[in-house]
């Protein structure tokens, strides 16, 4: 996902996946900041790219969002180290419900 992307959801859609590139060995990881009320649950997983298994490799962090009654909302993802307050990257994604 790129900053400013828009995802159009069908009315009543119950889940959406957001995928962001990540290199977790750096300590920097993506997190969803301040989920809006229409997001009922968030599950995150990580998949390595390729089969090298090398340390320092990159992969994809996938956020599976379980949705309730949702109006158009903006999601804010931040990349930072858990032990630091400094945000090194931010991406905003808009969820738009089609009518």
Protein backbone atom coordinates (compact mmCIF):
# COMPACT_ATOMS: atom_id res chain seq x y z
CA UNK A 1 0.00 0.00 0.00
CA UNK A 2 1.11 3.49 -0.72
CA UNK A 3 0.36 6.54 1.37
CA UNK A 4 -3.03 7.95 0.39
CA UNK A 5 -4.38 4.76 -1.21
CA UNK A 6 -8.15 4.27 -1.20
CA UNK A 7 -9.75 0.84 -0.78
CA UNK A 8 -13.38 0.59 -1.89
CA UNK A 9 -15.41 -1.92 0.10
CA UNK A 10 -18.80 -3.39 -0.71
CA UNK A 11 -21.52 -2.55 1.82
CA UNK A 12 -21.47 -5.23 4.51
CA UNK A 13 -17.94 -6.43 3.75
CA UNK A 14 -16.61 -7.96 6.96
CA UNK A 15 -12.81 -7.87 6.59
CA UNK A 16 -9.99 -6.24 4.67
CA UNK A 17 -6.25 -6.96 4.42
CA UNK A 18 -3.67 -4.16 4.40
CA UNK A 19 -0.12 -5.18 3.35
CA UNK A 20 2.99 -3.12 4.07
CA UNK A 21 6.68 -3.91 3.35
CA UNK A 22 8.75 -4.53 6.46
CA UNK A 23 12.26 -5.59 7.54
CA UNK A 24 11.65 -6.63 11.16
CA UNK A 25 15.30 -7.35 11.96
CA UNK A 26 15.85 -3.56 11.96
CA UNK A 27 13.47 -3.27 14.92
CA UNK A 28 11.09 -1.07 12.92
CA UNK A 29 7.61 -2.52 12.65
CA UNK A 30 4.29 -1.30 11.37
CA UNK A 31 1.36 -0.77 13.72
CA UNK A 32 -2.15 0.59 13.31
CA UNK A 33 -2.42 3.84 15.25
CA UNK A 34 -5.76 4.66 16.85
CA UNK A 35 -8.12 2.24 15.03
CA UNK A 36 -11.48 3.88 14.28
CA UNK A 37 -14.66 2.65 15.99
CA UNK A 38 -15.78 0.67 12.91
CA UNK A 39 -12.72 -1.61 13.16
CA UNK A 40 -13.70 -4.40 15.56
CA UNK A 41 -10.47 -6.39 15.48
CA UNK A 42 -6.92 -6.33 14.15
CA UNK A 43 -4.70 -9.35 13.53
CA UNK A 44 -1.16 -8.91 12.20
CA UNK A 45 1.12 -11.44 10.55
CA UNK A 46 4.49 -11.35 8.80
CA UNK A 47 5.62 -13.29 5.71
CA UNK A 48 9.21 -13.32 4.42
CA UNK A 49 9.77 -12.61 0.76
CA UNK A 50 11.67 -15.34 -1.04
CA UNK A 51 13.07 -18.49 0.47
CA UNK A 52 16.57 -17.32 1.42
CA UNK A 53 15.81 -17.15 5.14
CA UNK A 54 18.67 -14.66 5.56
CA UNK A 55 18.75 -12.34 8.51
CA UNK A 56 17.88 -8.79 7.59
CA UNK A 57 15.60 -9.85 4.77
CA UNK A 58 12.39 -8.11 3.93
CA UNK A 59 8.83 -9.28 3.89
CA UNK A 60 5.24 -8.18 4.16
CA UNK A 61 3.34 -7.25 7.31
CA UNK A 62 -0.35 -8.03 6.78
CA UNK A 63 -3.03 -6.44 8.92
CA UNK A 64 -6.38 -8.26 8.77
CA UNK A 65 -9.05 -5.85 9.95
CA UNK A 66 -12.43 -7.17 11.06
CA UNK A 67 -15.04 -4.56 10.27
CA UNK A 68 -18.37 -3.68 11.83
CA UNK A 69 -20.78 -1.07 10.56
CA UNK A 70 -18.26 1.10 8.80
CA UNK A 71 -18.56 4.49 7.22
CA UNK A 72 -15.70 6.00 5.25
CA UNK A 73 -12.65 6.10 7.54
CA UNK A 74 -8.97 6.83 7.35
CA UNK A 75 -6.49 4.35 8.80
CA UNK A 76 -3.10 5.55 9.99
CA UNK A 77 -0.21 3.10 10.05
CA UNK A 78 3.10 4.07 11.66
CA UNK A 79 6.50 2.37 11.49
CA UNK A 80 8.66 2.65 14.59
CA UNK A 81 10.62 0.68 17.14
CA UNK A 82 8.48 -0.49 20.07
CA UNK A 83 10.89 1.04 22.58
CA UNK A 84 11.05 4.44 20.85
CA UNK A 85 8.45 7.14 20.30
CA UNK A 86 10.02 8.31 17.02
CA UNK A 87 7.92 7.47 13.96
CA UNK A 88 10.13 6.90 10.91
CA UNK A 89 7.33 6.40 8.38
CA UNK A 90 3.60 6.88 8.20
CA UNK A 91 1.01 5.68 5.71
CA UNK A 92 -2.63 6.64 5.56
CA UNK A 93 -5.18 4.44 3.83
CA UNK A 94 -8.81 5.42 3.31
CA UNK A 95 -11.56 2.80 3.45
CA UNK A 96 -14.55 3.89 1.40
CA UNK A 97 -17.84 1.99 1.46
CA UNK A 98 -19.52 1.80 -1.94
CA UNK A 99 -23.23 2.46 -2.15
